[in-house]
């Protein structure tokens, strides 16, 4: 009997919607006919567009109204809430935003944290809880998930949240910059344990198995917003904030073919953190373990000459991938050339004029670092304590095994870090380093995470995995309206 009543209720709702749709189509049909007779194709298509939007709103509003009033759904929610230590309080009228941007009011079952039966009750703000059914349906701050992701997409691409709000407003969607900021923080939450899993397709085999992997690492720059402590200075309305420069660290992980070319069909993994080095290493370790780096045929690590890269990351790769994993370490060729030129600029002017830079670049490309040091010492009669000799020993001699460019090129291994330089520019500089921009570090990391996925092709994975977690739950309650 219960199944029959649910089916009848479904049919009643569908018949009501279809009747309304038929009436609207009939009215719109005559308008479209008149517009076409007048030769106004634009007017006709605009009528169709508005009609489709009104149908979408009708279906959503009818379905949600019926679903939220269904006693069977409320019973199911009570069971789910009990598992999460939540108890049903009452129905509350809330305003939600549909995919088209239309705002409707709906009576939503509201749950609060259940108070313990024994022990001391915690003090704190009252009436804080959860619109559980909205959460189950994927609504983010009362915004339908499809629209929420669209707003976030604009937010991480546009130069500011105000511009993102303006773009949406042109499409008839009213979301304030602060609302968009909250959507970004929720969808891009980098503190969730599934930060890596959200970018993967669980149905596919190990991506790195028997593959050559190019791992590139570098740091960027942005200005943080750190609130000042203490009392508000006289004459000021706010405490103010510090705006120190910090170095967010990023990595890119590409698959390359036997010729050393990037495999474009497989989107890379790009991520970073505004935390310190240990936080970056922990993040990179999550990716290496989850992607099963030990199954790769070879890992090629490229970067500039920053000591933090070469002191910590090769060790991390070997620990996560195993001692048998083939690892090639390479300092970017362009950085090496620039440092060689800077070293010769420290020579006295007369001696600097005698330098044949191309000759030394050829030695550098061949990886013959000892020859460079000996030639500088003999040709220019430089002492070991001279500035140029210190530079050669500290940078080139200590990294000689990472400057075998000729050998690497023969083995079809990349010798440049252009991929990470590009990522720093695209992900950080063009959005977070703009003049007058100051960022809370946690929120800046969220923007880095989201922007990296959008620009490098893993946005679809992020969006699909967000919806996938709701599919099973949604199936359980999609019994439709009243009983």
Foldseek 3Di string as FASTA:
>chain_A
DVLVVLVVQVVVLVVVLVVVLVVLCVVLVVVLVVCVVVVNNVVNVVSVVVSVVVSQVSVVVSQVQFLQFAPVLVVVVQVVQVVVQKHWDAWDWDWAAELLQDIDIHTATWIAHHFDPDDDTDDDDPPDTDSVVCVLQPAQVRYRLVNLLVLLLLQLQDQHLQVSQVVVVVSVHHDDSVRNLSSLCVLLVPVDPCLPVLLDDPVDPQPQAQFEKEKEKDKAKFWAWAFDDDDCDPPDPGRGTHTDMAIKMKMKIFTADQLAHTDQVDFIDIAIARDDPVVRLVVVLVNCQVSQVLNHQAYEYEYAQDPSCVVPVVVSNCVRNPVPHHYAAAYALVNVLVLLLVLLVQDPPVVSVVDPSVVVSVCQQQLVLVVVLVCCCPVVVDDCPRSSNVSSCVRCVVCSSNRNNVVCNVSSHDRHNVVVVVLNCQQPVSHRHDPPHHHHRSSSSSSSSQSSCVVRPSSVSNSVVSVVVSVVVCVVSSSTRYD
